[in-house]
Structure formats: structure tokens, C-alpha cells
């Protein structure tokens, strides 16, 4: 029988379509704070060639022979200090952000979240959205500042997942929003609220961003420039507010890893220097993080406090990220609504 005379089957496999998915994506977290869970997470995270730009033939022996046999225990201690009854703060907050967005864009829009590393994975969530009938999906990397090691790797993973699909959804990506007035306004309003609630008046505010190796800047990554612009625009907004009268702002980079030179000045060194030169009252904000995580709750809030106080400081506070605050949720709503234009 030729194809011209062949009859189509009477029953087509059941399909769902016509829905729209929104997927908030953050970096990731181990399943638990124990060393084995942390080791599995670090193996996945540090094997991404966007994250570690050393040829695998040179890097993998170091990773498997040294790092995965030493770092998980130390990282486990940090995660244990911040773990809650609801699990990982990063996953819990990101889930809360997604839950708060449900129902805001109409009955045909499903909002969920995923982790780039760990669970729930992008592959799992995209599959679930497709099964729900979402043939259009908006991916929202929750990184204000673009970096190949964060934003680009989300794109890479989505492309990998789609590569195995016969019926692919139409995909949009939320762009970096480092200089978006909606984001900057939300940050300024929420930081002002928090500073007004402190028991002391700060002399210095550090704007601490996650660090990256200096070579990322030299290779053309815009991350450092995005962070610098966010810091400059945020300073200009905050300087107009009475709560920040006389406050000196400093931009720093945290979470150094390995022997390579990283973006500077470093947050930990700056905290020590501020205490040593007589600064007594200091606050830290982390404008590059959409949700609190081990880098803010342990590295900044606990380690940072010890460094500043031991160097001579007295009053210290780390301000919350936007998380699920009213200002943070209003920002996410506005950002998603704009990028869903034409779909809803």
C-alpha cells in the first residue's frame, strides 16, 4: 500500500495543549545537609563546563581525587547551620515565589520552579509542564546579572532537554534585569524598610555580589559590569532616602574558591578591614541573589559577623534578599507579566 492510499489510524495518542508554563529557575541545592548529599550536588555543579572552564582532562582528576573528598564535609557544616524543617532555604523560598505567582496570570498559566543543579530538575519540570498541556513555556532564570556560569547554563540545560523531545514547546527566556527600574525600585524599597527596622544606624553598607574568577571578565563575560551597574544605580536611589543619610556604600564580591584570582575587592577582606579601621556599625545587602541561600545565611550572616566583630566592629546585620516579600513578589509579577505579553 502506498502512502497516498494508506489510511491514518483512527485513534491518535491523547495530547494536551493550549496552556502556558512559567518556570522560575535558581542555582540549586543538595537534597540534604549531609556530606553524601552535598557531594552529589557538588559533583554535578562542578562538572559543568560553564562553571569550571578548565579542560575536563585536567579538571576531573582534581575534582574527583581532591575536591569531592575534602569539600563536602566543610560545605555540609555550612548547610547544617541553615537547614530548616522545610529543607533547603533556597528551594523553599523559590517554591514560595512560584506558589505566590499561581493564579495571577489567568487559568491557562501554570507557574512552577526548578533548580539548575539538584532537584527538582529542569528536565523534570519541563516534562511536567508539557504533560499539563503547556506548549508555551517562559523560563525565568532568577539571576539579575548575566553570567555564563549561571544564566547561560540554564539556557544550555533547557536546550539539552528540548533536544530529546519530539514535540517541543515554544520557549521564551526572561532577560537579565540588573538595571531594570522594577528590580531596582523593589530593592531600594525593601532595603529601606529593613534598615529602618534595625536597632542601629549603619555607617557602611556593603553591596556583596557572588564572586567570579577574574578571567571571566577578561574573556568578555558582562557579569562584573552588570554588578557594577546594579550597585551604582542602587546607591543613587538609596542615597536619596533619609534612612541612608551619611551611609558609605562599598561594592564587594564573595565566595572565592580555588587559587585563581577572583573579582575584587573581596567581601571577607573588606569586613575585616572595615572593623580594623574603626567602622562600628555595618550592614550587608546581597543584590545579586533573588533568594536567601547558604551564601547569604551562612557565609555573610554567620562567618561575616565573626570576621567583622573580631576585627573591632560592634553592630552588624545582613539584610534579607527580596525572597517572598511584598516588594519581591510585586517585582516578579511585573517582570513575568511583561515577558508573557502576547501570550496572555
C-alpha atoms as a PDB file:
ATOM      1  CA  UNK A   1       0.000   0.000   0.000  1.00  0.00           C
ATOM      2  CA  UNK A   2       1.421   3.399  -0.955  1.00  0.00           C
ATOM      3  CA  UNK A   3       1.378   6.384   1.370  1.00  0.00           C
ATOM      4  CA  UNK A   4      -1.256   8.028  -0.884  1.00  0.00           C
ATOM      5  CA  UNK A   5      -3.792   5.268  -0.133  1.00  0.00           C
ATOM      6  CA  UNK A   6      -2.703   4.436   3.422  1.00  0.00           C
ATOM      7  CA  UNK A   7      -5.332   5.373   5.992  1.00  0.00           C
ATOM      8  CA  UNK A   8      -4.450   7.202   9.192  1.00  0.00           C
ATOM      9  CA  UNK A   9      -5.124   5.343  12.432  1.00  0.00           C
ATOM     10  CA  UNK A  10      -8.470   6.071  13.956  1.00  0.00           C
ATOM     11  CA  UNK A  11      -7.075   6.782  17.422  1.00  0.00           C
ATOM     12  CA  UNK A  12      -4.434   9.460  17.916  1.00  0.00           C
ATOM     13  CA  UNK A  13      -2.467   9.327  21.189  1.00  0.00           C
ATOM     14  CA  UNK A  14      -4.159  11.704  23.674  1.00  0.00           C
ATOM     15  CA  UNK A  15      -2.441  15.068  23.964  1.00  0.00           C
ATOM     16  CA  UNK A  16      -2.956  18.205  25.990  1.00  0.00           C
ATOM     17  CA  UNK A  17      -2.149  21.671  24.701  1.00  0.00           C
ATOM     18  CA  UNK A  18      -3.125  25.310  24.906  1.00  0.00           C
ATOM     19  CA  UNK A  19      -1.641  26.012  28.346  1.00  0.00           C
ATOM     20  CA  UNK A  20       1.264  28.314  29.199  1.00  0.00           C
ATOM     21  CA  UNK A  21       4.025  27.401  31.641  1.00  0.00           C
ATOM     22  CA  UNK A  22       6.287  29.666  33.681  1.00  0.00           C
ATOM     23  CA  UNK A  23       9.401  28.147  35.257  1.00  0.00           C
ATOM     24  CA  UNK A  24      11.401  30.047  37.874  1.00  0.00           C
ATOM     25  CA  UNK A  25      14.945  28.648  37.901  1.00  0.00           C
ATOM     26  CA  UNK A  26      17.550  29.137  40.603  1.00  0.00           C
ATOM     27  CA  UNK A  27      21.025  27.699  41.015  1.00  0.00           C
ATOM     28  CA  UNK A  28      20.423  24.628  43.121  1.00  0.00           C
ATOM     29  CA  UNK A  29      20.882  22.908  46.429  1.00  0.00           C
ATOM     30  CA  UNK A  30      21.729  19.471  47.802  1.00  0.00           C
ATOM     31  CA  UNK A  31      18.903  17.157  48.836  1.00  0.00           C
ATOM     32  CA  UNK A  32      20.080  17.343  52.420  1.00  0.00           C
ATOM     33  CA  UNK A  33      22.843  18.898  54.534  1.00  0.00           C
ATOM     34  CA  UNK A  34      24.727  15.594  54.983  1.00  0.00           C
ATOM     35  CA  UNK A  35      28.126  15.103  53.286  1.00  0.00           C
ATOM     36  CA  UNK A  36      26.875  12.466  50.820  1.00  0.00           C
ATOM     37  CA  UNK A  37      24.078  14.731  49.527  1.00  0.00           C
ATOM     38  CA  UNK A  38      26.458  17.672  49.306  1.00  0.00           C
ATOM     39  CA  UNK A  39      28.958  15.520  47.405  1.00  0.00           C
ATOM     40  CA  UNK A  40      26.340  14.530  44.808  1.00  0.00           C
ATOM     41  CA  UNK A  41      25.366  18.171  44.382  1.00  0.00           C
ATOM     42  CA  UNK A  42      28.946  19.396  44.062  1.00  0.00           C
ATOM     43  CA  UNK A  43      29.776  16.661  41.552  1.00  0.00           C
ATOM     44  CA  UNK A  44      27.004  17.894  39.250  1.00  0.00           C
ATOM     45  CA  UNK A  45      27.651  21.580  39.847  1.00  0.00           C
ATOM     46  CA  UNK A  46      31.422  21.492  39.485  1.00  0.00           C
ATOM     47  CA  UNK A  47      31.301  19.248  36.412  1.00  0.00           C
ATOM     48  CA  UNK A  48      29.502  21.926  34.395  1.00  0.00           C
ATOM     49  CA  UNK A  49      31.990  23.354  31.915  1.00  0.00           C
ATOM     50  CA  UNK A  50      30.286  26.736  32.156  1.00  0.00           C
ATOM     51  CA  UNK A  51      31.091  26.780  35.880  1.00  0.00           C
ATOM     52  CA  UNK A  52      34.632  25.389  35.693  1.00  0.00           C
ATOM     53  CA  UNK A  53      36.309  26.425  32.463  1.00  0.00           C
ATOM     54  CA  UNK A  54      39.266  24.077  32.835  1.00  0.00           C
ATOM     55  CA  UNK A  55      39.502  21.233  30.279  1.00  0.00           C
ATOM     56  CA  UNK A  56      37.886  18.120  31.809  1.00  0.00           C
ATOM     57  CA  UNK A  57      41.022  16.045  31.229  1.00  0.00           C
ATOM     58  CA  UNK A  58      42.803  18.324  33.706  1.00  0.00           C
ATOM     59  CA  UNK A  59      39.890  19.231  35.981  1.00  0.00           C
ATOM     60  CA  UNK A  60      38.139  15.907  36.593  1.00  0.00           C
ATOM     61  CA  UNK A  61      41.119  14.244  38.357  1.00  0.00           C
ATOM     62  CA  UNK A  62      41.314  17.270  40.677  1.00  0.00           C
ATOM     63  CA  UNK A  63      37.563  17.256  41.254  1.00  0.00           C
ATOM     64  CA  UNK A  64      37.241  13.517  41.914  1.00  0.00           C
ATOM     65  CA  UNK A  65      40.601  12.999  43.588  1.00  0.00           C
ATOM     66  CA  UNK A  66      40.765  16.028  45.884  1.00  0.00           C
ATOM     67  CA  UNK A  67      37.746  18.338  45.989  1.00  0.00           C
ATOM     68  CA  UNK A  68      34.969  15.743  46.303  1.00  0.00           C
ATOM     69  CA  UNK A  69      36.945  14.045  49.076  1.00  0.00           C
ATOM     70  CA  UNK A  70      37.503  17.199  51.129  1.00  0.00           C
ATOM     71  CA  UNK A  71      34.996  19.957  50.389  1.00  0.00           C
ATOM     72  CA  UNK A  72      31.666  18.118  51.013  1.00  0.00           C
ATOM     73  CA  UNK A  73      32.289  17.811  54.757  1.00  0.00           C
ATOM     74  CA  UNK A  74      33.090  21.500  55.141  1.00  0.00           C
ATOM     75  CA  UNK A  75      30.145  22.541  52.965  1.00  0.00           C
ATOM     76  CA  UNK A  76      27.927  20.129  54.896  1.00  0.00           C
ATOM     77  CA  UNK A  77      28.717  22.015  58.104  1.00  0.00           C
ATOM     78  CA  UNK A  78      27.591  25.258  56.461  1.00  0.00           C
ATOM     79  CA  UNK A  79      24.360  23.752  55.124  1.00  0.00           C
ATOM     80  CA  UNK A  80      23.588  22.170  58.505  1.00  0.00           C
ATOM     81  CA  UNK A  81      23.633  25.609  60.140  1.00  0.00           C
ATOM     82  CA  UNK A  82      20.925  26.968  57.819  1.00  0.00           C
ATOM     83  CA  UNK A  83      18.794  23.876  57.080  1.00  0.00           C
ATOM     84  CA  UNK A  84      15.209  24.151  58.306  1.00  0.00           C
ATOM     85  CA  UNK A  85      12.237  21.857  58.892  1.00  0.00           C
ATOM     86  CA  UNK A  86      11.184  22.773  55.345  1.00  0.00           C
ATOM     87  CA  UNK A  87      14.559  21.759  53.936  1.00  0.00           C
ATOM     88  CA  UNK A  88      16.826  23.973  51.874  1.00  0.00           C
ATOM     89  CA  UNK A  89      16.028  27.687  52.324  1.00  0.00           C
ATOM     90  CA  UNK A  90      16.819  28.371  48.660  1.00  0.00           C
ATOM     91  CA  UNK A  91      14.436  25.691  47.387  1.00  0.00           C
ATOM     92  CA  UNK A  92      11.783  26.611  49.937  1.00  0.00           C
ATOM     93  CA  UNK A  93      11.867  30.323  49.061  1.00  0.00           C
ATOM     94  CA  UNK A  94      11.909  29.682  45.311  1.00  0.00           C
ATOM     95  CA  UNK A  95       8.941  27.326  45.699  1.00  0.00           C
ATOM     96  CA  UNK A  96       7.184  30.067  47.658  1.00  0.00           C
ATOM     97  CA  UNK A  97       7.827  32.574  44.901  1.00  0.00           C
ATOM     98  CA  UNK A  98       6.331  30.220  42.314  1.00  0.00           C
ATOM     99  CA  UNK A  99       3.351  29.410  44.519  1.00  0.00           C
ATOM    100  CA  UNK A 100       2.668  33.110  45.050  1.00  0.00           C
ATOM    101  CA  UNK A 101       2.554  33.631  41.273  1.00  0.00           C
ATOM    102  CA  UNK A 102      -0.041  30.899  40.662  1.00  0.00           C
ATOM    103  CA  UNK A 103      -3.393  32.306  39.608  1.00  0.00           C
ATOM    104  CA  UNK A 104      -2.069  35.791  38.887  1.00  0.00           C
ATOM    105  CA  UNK A 105      -1.989  35.397  35.096  1.00  0.00           C
ATOM    106  CA  UNK A 106      -5.197  33.501  34.420  1.00  0.00           C
ATOM    107  CA  UNK A 107      -6.379  29.896  34.455  1.00  0.00           C
ATOM    108  CA  UNK A 108      -4.253  28.878  31.472  1.00  0.00           C
ATOM    109  CA  UNK A 109      -0.923  29.749  33.103  1.00  0.00           C
ATOM    110  CA  UNK A 110       0.924  27.224  35.312  1.00  0.00           C
ATOM    111  CA  UNK A 111       3.820  28.543  37.417  1.00  0.00           C
ATOM    112  CA  UNK A 112       6.458  26.211  38.859  1.00  0.00           C
ATOM    113  CA  UNK A 113      10.124  26.243  39.865  1.00  0.00           C
ATOM    114  CA  UNK A 114      13.266  24.207  39.198  1.00  0.00           C
ATOM    115  CA  UNK A 115      16.885  24.038  40.286  1.00  0.00           C
ATOM    116  CA  UNK A 116      19.677  24.053  37.711  1.00  0.00           C
ATOM    117  CA  UNK A 117      21.593  21.583  39.884  1.00  0.00           C
ATOM    118  CA  UNK A 118      19.827  19.162  42.193  1.00  0.00           C
ATOM    119  CA  UNK A 119      16.075  18.674  42.484  1.00  0.00           C
ATOM    120  CA  UNK A 120      13.565  19.423  41.118  1.00  0.00           C
ATOM    121  CA  UNK A 121      15.480  19.441  37.854  1.00  0.00           C
ATOM    122  CA  UNK A 122      14.728  21.497  34.761  1.00  0.00           C
ATOM    123  CA  UNK A 123      14.194  18.253  32.838  1.00  0.00           C
ATOM    124  CA  UNK A 124      11.598  17.057  35.344  1.00  0.00           C
ATOM    125  CA  UNK A 125       9.696  20.338  35.459  1.00  0.00           C
ATOM    126  CA  UNK A 126       9.648  20.925  31.693  1.00  0.00           C
ATOM    127  CA  UNK A 127       8.292  17.405  31.234  1.00  0.00           C
ATOM    128  CA  UNK A 128       5.594  18.018  33.836  1.00  0.00           C
ATOM    129  CA  UNK A 129       4.587  21.319  32.257  1.00  0.00           C
ATOM    130  CA  UNK A 130       4.341  19.670  28.844  1.00  0.00           C
ATOM    131  CA  UNK A 131       2.215  16.866  30.329  1.00  0.00           C
ATOM    132  CA  UNK A 132      -0.090  19.534  31.750  1.00  0.00           C
ATOM    133  CA  UNK A 133      -0.596  20.917  28.252  1.00  0.00           C
ATOM    134  CA  UNK A 134       1.896  23.785  28.321  1.00  0.00           C
ATOM    135  CA  UNK A 135       3.068  24.146  24.729  1.00  0.00           C
ATOM    136  CA  UNK A 136       4.497  27.595  25.516  1.00  0.00           C
ATOM    137  CA  UNK A 137       6.932  27.989  28.424  1.00  0.00           C
ATOM    138  CA  UNK A 138       8.567  31.109  29.832  1.00  0.00           C
ATOM    139  CA  UNK A 139      11.891  30.304  31.533  1.00  0.00           C
ATOM    140  CA  UNK A 140      12.844  32.810  34.234  1.00  0.00           C
ATOM    141  CA  UNK A 141      16.477  32.455  35.388  1.00  0.00           C
ATOM    142  CA  UNK A 142      16.446  34.180  38.780  1.00  0.00           C
ATOM    143  CA  UNK A 143      19.784  35.892  38.237  1.00  0.00           C
ATOM    144  CA  UNK A 144      19.589  39.693  37.908  1.00  0.00           C
ATOM    145  CA  UNK A 145      23.106  39.921  36.484  1.00  0.00           C
ATOM    146  CA  UNK A 146      24.025  37.817  33.447  1.00  0.00           C
ATOM    147  CA  UNK A 147      26.889  35.370  33.812  1.00  0.00           C
ATOM    148  CA  UNK A 148      27.809  32.421  31.629  1.00  0.00           C
ATOM    149  CA  UNK A 149      28.161  30.285  34.769  1.00  0.00           C
ATOM    150  CA  UNK A 150      24.575  30.984  35.820  1.00  0.00           C
ATOM    151  CA  UNK A 151      22.274  32.393  33.137  1.00  0.00           C
ATOM    152  CA  UNK A 152      23.883  30.665  30.158  1.00  0.00           C
ATOM    153  CA  UNK A 153      23.950  27.277  31.806  1.00  0.00           C
ATOM    154  CA  UNK A 154      20.165  27.440  32.271  1.00  0.00           C
ATOM    155  CA  UNK A 155      19.831  28.007  28.528  1.00  0.00           C
ATOM    156  CA  UNK A 156      22.227  25.105  27.892  1.00  0.00           C
ATOM    157  CA  UNK A 157      20.188  22.733  30.038  1.00  0.00           C
ATOM    158  CA  UNK A 158      16.859  23.765  28.521  1.00  0.00           C
ATOM    159  CA  UNK A 159      18.344  23.216  25.046  1.00  0.00           C
ATOM    160  CA  UNK A 160      19.618  19.791  26.087  1.00  0.00           C
ATOM    161  CA  UNK A 161      16.190  18.798  27.405  1.00  0.00           C
ATOM    162  CA  UNK A 162      14.444  20.026  24.267  1.00  0.00           C
ATOM    163  CA  UNK A 163      16.916  18.092  22.135  1.00  0.00           C
ATOM    164  CA  UNK A 164      15.348  14.844  23.310  1.00  0.00           C
ATOM    165  CA  UNK A 165      11.758  15.936  22.631  1.00  0.00           C
ATOM    166  CA  UNK A 166       9.740  15.204  19.525  1.00  0.00           C
ATOM    167  CA  UNK A 167       7.107  17.810  20.359  1.00  0.00           C
ATOM    168  CA  UNK A 168       8.961  20.815  21.687  1.00  0.00           C
ATOM    169  CA  UNK A 169       7.250  23.707  23.444  1.00  0.00           C
ATOM    170  CA  UNK A 170       7.800  27.277  22.310  1.00  0.00           C
ATOM    171  CA  UNK A 171      10.308  28.826  24.708  1.00  0.00           C
ATOM    172  CA  UNK A 172      10.921  32.352  25.934  1.00  0.00           C
ATOM    173  CA  UNK A 173      13.577  33.477  28.423  1.00  0.00           C
ATOM    174  CA  UNK A 174      13.339  36.342  30.898  1.00  0.00           C
ATOM    175  CA  UNK A 175      16.386  38.536  30.153  1.00  0.00           C
ATOM    176  CA  UNK A 176      18.869  39.703  32.813  1.00  0.00           C
ATOM    177  CA  UNK A 177      17.338  42.521  34.840  1.00  0.00           C
ATOM    178  CA  UNK A 178      20.357  44.118  36.526  1.00  0.00           C
ATOM    179  CA  UNK A 179      19.342  47.654  35.516  1.00  0.00           C
ATOM    180  CA  UNK A 180      15.569  47.182  35.341  1.00  0.00           C
ATOM    181  CA  UNK A 181      13.800  50.015  37.202  1.00  0.00           C
ATOM    182  CA  UNK A 182      11.261  47.484  38.548  1.00  0.00           C
ATOM    183  CA  UNK A 183      14.027  45.428  40.157  1.00  0.00           C
ATOM    184  CA  UNK A 184      15.975  48.430  41.431  1.00  0.00           C
ATOM    185  CA  UNK A 185      12.858  50.046  42.852  1.00  0.00           C
ATOM    186  CA  UNK A 186      11.880  46.838  44.661  1.00  0.00           C
ATOM    187  CA  UNK A 187      15.379  46.501  46.094  1.00  0.00           C
ATOM    188  CA  UNK A 188      15.506  50.116  47.226  1.00  0.00           C
ATOM    189  CA  UNK A 189      12.087  49.946  48.884  1.00  0.00           C
ATOM    190  CA  UNK A 190      12.745  46.647  50.654  1.00  0.00           C
ATOM    191  CA  UNK A 191      16.240  47.564  51.833  1.00  0.00           C
ATOM    192  CA  UNK A 192      14.902  50.874  53.151  1.00  0.00           C
ATOM    193  CA  UNK A 193      12.206  49.020  55.075  1.00  0.00           C
ATOM    194  CA  UNK A 194      14.757  46.684  56.617  1.00  0.00           C
ATOM    195  CA  UNK A 195      17.265  49.377  57.545  1.00  0.00           C
ATOM    196  CA  UNK A 196      14.532  51.411  59.209  1.00  0.00           C
ATOM    197  CA  UNK A 197      13.768  48.361  61.353  1.00  0.00           C
ATOM    198  CA  UNK A 198      17.336  47.936  62.638  1.00  0.00           C
ATOM    199  CA  UNK A 199      18.266  48.754  66.219  1.00  0.00           C
ATOM    200  CA  UNK A 200      21.268  50.749  64.968  1.00  0.00           C
ATOM    201  CA  UNK A 201      22.066  53.267  62.250  1.00  0.00           C
ATOM    202  CA  UNK A 202      24.707  51.888  59.850  1.00  0.00           C
ATOM    203  CA  UNK A 203      27.821  53.760  58.910  1.00  0.00           C
ATOM    204  CA  UNK A 204      28.635  51.475  55.963  1.00  0.00           C
ATOM    205  CA  UNK A 205      26.592  49.283  53.642  1.00  0.00           C
ATOM    206  CA  UNK A 206      28.328  46.549  51.656  1.00  0.00           C
ATOM    207  CA  UNK A 207      26.651  45.511  48.420  1.00  0.00           C
ATOM    208  CA  UNK A 208      28.016  41.984  48.167  1.00  0.00           C
ATOM    209  CA  UNK A 209      27.749  40.007  44.921  1.00  0.00           C
ATOM    210  CA  UNK A 210      28.794  36.425  44.275  1.00  0.00           C
ATOM    211  CA  UNK A 211      32.350  36.397  43.012  1.00  0.00           C
ATOM    212  CA  UNK A 212      33.672  35.005  39.748  1.00  0.00           C
ATOM    213  CA  UNK A 213      37.219  34.326  38.550  1.00  0.00           C
ATOM    214  CA  UNK A 214      38.828  37.422  37.063  1.00  0.00           C
ATOM    215  CA  UNK A 215      39.350  35.560  33.788  1.00  0.00           C
ATOM    216  CA  UNK A 216      35.586  35.599  33.190  1.00  0.00           C
ATOM    217  CA  UNK A 217      35.815  39.373  32.855  1.00  0.00           C
ATOM    218  CA  UNK A 218      38.893  39.115  30.655  1.00  0.00           C
ATOM    219  CA  UNK A 219      37.067  36.661  28.371  1.00  0.00           C
ATOM    220  CA  UNK A 220      34.198  39.085  27.833  1.00  0.00           C
ATOM    221  CA  UNK A 221      31.607  37.989  30.393  1.00  0.00           C
ATOM    222  CA  UNK A 222      29.433  41.019  31.302  1.00  0.00           C
ATOM    223  CA  UNK A 223      28.858  39.882  34.905  1.00  0.00           C
ATOM    224  CA  UNK A 224      31.252  42.334  36.578  1.00  0.00           C
ATOM    225  CA  UNK A 225      29.832  45.235  34.560  1.00  0.00           C
ATOM    226  CA  UNK A 226      26.263  44.205  35.402  1.00  0.00           C
ATOM    227  CA  UNK A 227      27.089  44.029  39.117  1.00  0.00           C
ATOM    228  CA  UNK A 228      28.812  47.398  38.997  1.00  0.00           C
ATOM    229  CA  UNK A 229      25.846  48.995  37.258  1.00  0.00           C
ATOM    230  CA  UNK A 230      23.363  47.495  39.724  1.00  0.00           C
ATOM    231  CA  UNK A 231      25.445  48.810  42.618  1.00  0.00           C
ATOM    232  CA  UNK A 232      25.750  52.285  41.117  1.00  0.00           C
ATOM    233  CA  UNK A 233      22.055  52.651  40.314  1.00  0.00           C
ATOM    234  CA  UNK A 234      21.019  51.236  43.685  1.00  0.00           C
ATOM    235  CA  UNK A 235      23.346  53.622  45.525  1.00  0.00           C
ATOM    236  CA  UNK A 236      21.830  56.538  43.657  1.00  0.00           C
ATOM    237  CA  UNK A 237      18.333  55.508  44.734  1.00  0.00           C
ATOM    238  CA  UNK A 238      19.230  54.823  48.348  1.00  0.00           C
ATOM    239  CA  UNK A 239      21.277  57.993  48.770  1.00  0.00           C
ATOM    240  CA  UNK A 240      18.055  60.000  48.287  1.00  0.00           C
ATOM    241  CA  UNK A 241      16.414  58.384  51.329  1.00  0.00           C
ATOM    242  CA  UNK A 242      16.763  59.657  54.918  1.00  0.00           C
ATOM    243  CA  UNK A 243      17.451  56.143  56.239  1.00  0.00           C
ATOM    244  CA  UNK A 244      20.767  56.218  54.353  1.00  0.00           C
ATOM    245  CA  UNK A 245      21.948  59.723  55.239  1.00  0.00           C
ATOM    246  CA  UNK A 246      25.688  59.581  55.832  1.00  0.00           C
ATOM    247  CA  UNK A 247      25.970  55.899  54.864  1.00  0.00           C
ATOM    248  CA  UNK A 248      29.047  54.964  52.842  1.00  0.00           C
ATOM    249  CA  UNK A 249      28.469  52.288  50.194  1.00  0.00           C
ATOM    250  CA  UNK A 250      31.032  49.700  49.115  1.00  0.00           C
ATOM    251  CA  UNK A 251      30.715  47.039  46.396  1.00  0.00           C
ATOM    252  CA  UNK A 252      32.374  43.681  47.113  1.00  0.00           C
ATOM    253  CA  UNK A 253      32.482  40.082  45.850  1.00  0.00           C
ATOM    254  CA  UNK A 254      32.186  36.955  47.982  1.00  0.00           C
ATOM    255  CA  UNK A 255      32.611  33.160  47.850  1.00  0.00           C
ATOM    256  CA  UNK A 256      36.122  32.859  46.467  1.00  0.00           C
ATOM    257  CA  UNK A 257      37.075  29.319  45.503  1.00  0.00           C
ATOM    258  CA  UNK A 258      40.426  27.920  44.398  1.00  0.00           C
ATOM    259  CA  UNK A 259      43.806  29.579  43.811  1.00  0.00           C
ATOM    260  CA  UNK A 260      42.879  31.709  40.775  1.00  0.00           C
ATOM    261  CA  UNK A 261      42.460  35.450  41.147  1.00  0.00           C
ATOM    262  CA  UNK A 262      38.812  36.480  41.593  1.00  0.00           C
ATOM    263  CA  UNK A 263      36.899  39.715  41.221  1.00  0.00           C
ATOM    264  CA  UNK A 264      37.812  42.209  43.918  1.00  0.00           C
ATOM    265  CA  UNK A 265      37.508  43.652  46.485  1.00  0.00           C
ATOM    266  CA  UNK A 266      36.522  40.537  48.395  1.00  0.00           C
ATOM    267  CA  UNK A 267      33.735  40.720  50.959  1.00  0.00           C
ATOM    268  CA  UNK A 268      35.574  38.885  53.734  1.00  0.00           C
ATOM    269  CA  UNK A 269      38.703  41.035  53.423  1.00  0.00           C
ATOM    270  CA  UNK A 270      36.617  44.209  53.338  1.00  0.00           C
ATOM    271  CA  UNK A 271      34.711  43.230  56.509  1.00  0.00           C
ATOM    272  CA  UNK A 272      37.992  42.751  58.357  1.00  0.00           C
ATOM    273  CA  UNK A 273      39.458  45.993  57.021  1.00  0.00           C
ATOM    274  CA  UNK A 274      36.340  47.975  57.983  1.00  0.00           C
ATOM    275  CA  UNK A 275      36.494  46.665  61.545  1.00  0.00           C
ATOM    276  CA  UNK A 276      40.200  47.360  61.823  1.00  0.00           C
ATOM    277  CA  UNK A 277      39.902  50.958  60.649  1.00  0.00           C
ATOM    278  CA  UNK A 278      37.178  51.824  63.135  1.00  0.00           C
ATOM    279  CA  UNK A 279      33.828  51.153  61.468  1.00  0.00           C
ATOM    280  CA  UNK A 280      31.460  50.092  64.252  1.00  0.00           C
ATOM    281  CA  UNK A 281      28.083  49.715  62.530  1.00  0.00           C
ATOM    282  CA  UNK A 282      27.785  47.876  59.213  1.00  0.00           C
ATOM    283  CA  UNK A 283      25.067  46.245  57.136  1.00  0.00           C
ATOM    284  CA  UNK A 284      25.349  43.928  54.150  1.00  0.00           C
ATOM    285  CA  UNK A 285      22.909  43.546  51.249  1.00  0.00           C
ATOM    286  CA  UNK A 286      23.208  40.912  48.511  1.00  0.00           C
ATOM    287  CA  UNK A 287      21.540  42.371  45.380  1.00  0.00           C
ATOM    288  CA  UNK A 288      22.673  39.515  43.141  1.00  0.00           C
ATOM    289  CA  UNK A 289      20.633  36.872  44.967  1.00  0.00           C
ATOM    290  CA  UNK A 290      16.897  36.532  44.337  1.00  0.00           C
ATOM    291  CA  UNK A 291      16.524  34.285  47.399  1.00  0.00           C
ATOM    292  CA  UNK A 292      18.484  33.702  50.564  1.00  0.00           C
ATOM    293  CA  UNK A 293      20.800  30.693  50.450  1.00  0.00           C
ATOM    294  CA  UNK A 294      23.939  29.298  52.040  1.00  0.00           C
ATOM    295  CA  UNK A 295      25.992  32.205  50.677  1.00  0.00           C
ATOM    296  CA  UNK A 296      23.839  34.780  52.460  1.00  0.00           C
ATOM    297  CA  UNK A 297      22.553  32.893  55.510  1.00  0.00           C
ATOM    298  CA  UNK A 298      25.853  31.251  56.487  1.00  0.00           C
ATOM    299  CA  UNK A 299      28.734  32.931  54.667  1.00  0.00           C
ATOM    300  CA  UNK A 300      27.543  36.507  55.131  1.00  0.00           C
ATOM    301  CA  UNK A 301      25.329  36.315  58.217  1.00  0.00           C
ATOM    302  CA  UNK A 302      27.470  33.969  60.353  1.00  0.00           C
ATOM    303  CA  UNK A 303      31.044  33.962  59.026  1.00  0.00           C
ATOM    304  CA  UNK A 304      30.827  37.619  58.060  1.00  0.00           C
ATOM    305  CA  UNK A 305      29.617  38.641  61.503  1.00  0.00           C
ATOM    306  CA  UNK A 306      32.510  36.842  63.182  1.00  0.00           C
ATOM    307  CA  UNK A 307      35.038  38.478  60.848  1.00  0.00           C
ATOM    308  CA  UNK A 308      33.674  41.989  61.432  1.00  0.00           C
ATOM    309  CA  UNK A 309      33.235  41.700  65.204  1.00  0.00           C
ATOM    310  CA  UNK A 310      36.641  40.095  65.739  1.00  0.00           C
ATOM    311  CA  UNK A 311      38.219  42.953  63.748  1.00  0.00           C
ATOM    312  CA  UNK A 312      36.683  45.564  66.067  1.00  0.00           C
ATOM    313  CA  UNK A 313      33.154  46.113  64.741  1.00  0.00           C
ATOM    314  CA  UNK A 314      30.148  46.227  67.044  1.00  0.00           C
ATOM    315  CA  UNK A 315      26.791  46.213  65.214  1.00  0.00           C
ATOM    316  CA  UNK A 316      26.316  44.017  62.158  1.00  0.00           C
ATOM    317  CA  UNK A 317      23.338  42.879  60.103  1.00  0.00           C
ATOM    318  CA  UNK A 318      22.773  41.055  56.818  1.00  0.00           C
ATOM    319  CA  UNK A 319      19.577  42.199  55.139  1.00  0.00           C
ATOM    320  CA  UNK A 320      17.184  39.687  53.610  1.00  0.00           C
ATOM    321  CA  UNK A 321      17.075  39.129  49.869  1.00  0.00           C
ATOM    322  CA  UNK A 322      13.800  40.027  48.156  1.00  0.00           C
ATOM    323  CA  UNK A 323      12.561  36.452  48.725  1.00  0.00           C
ATOM    324  CA  UNK A 324       8.758  36.408  49.091  1.00  0.00           C
ATOM    325  CA  UNK A 325       8.497  39.940  50.471  1.00  0.00           C
ATOM    326  CA  UNK A 326       5.714  42.137  49.111  1.00  0.00           C
ATOM    327  CA  UNK A 327       8.277  44.132  47.135  1.00  0.00           C
ATOM    328  CA  UNK A 328       9.918  40.980  45.794  1.00  0.00           C
ATOM    329  CA  UNK A 329       6.688  39.349  44.675  1.00  0.00           C
ATOM    330  CA  UNK A 330       5.460  42.562  43.043  1.00  0.00           C
ATOM    331  CA  UNK A 331       8.723  42.681  41.081  1.00  0.00           C
ATOM    332  CA  UNK A 332       8.422  39.061  39.916  1.00  0.00           C
ATOM    333  CA  UNK A 333       4.785  39.622  38.943  1.00  0.00           C
ATOM    334  CA  UNK A 334       5.620  42.704  36.869  1.00  0.00           C
ATOM    335  CA  UNK A 335       8.628  41.053  35.238  1.00  0.00           C
ATOM    336  CA  UNK A 336       6.730  37.892  34.275  1.00  0.00           C
ATOM    337  CA  UNK A 337       3.673  39.808  33.105  1.00  0.00           C
ATOM    338  CA  UNK A 338       5.825  41.863  30.764  1.00  0.00           C
ATOM    339  CA  UNK A 339       7.568  38.815  29.289  1.00  0.00           C
ATOM    340  CA  UNK A 340       4.247  36.967  28.877  1.00  0.00           C
ATOM    341  CA  UNK A 341       2.917  39.800  26.732  1.00  0.00           C
ATOM    342  CA  UNK A 342       1.150  38.410  23.676  1.00  0.00           C
ATOM    343  CA  UNK A 343       0.653  35.039  25.340  1.00  0.00           C
ATOM    344  CA  UNK A 344      -1.848  36.182  27.960  1.00  0.00           C
END
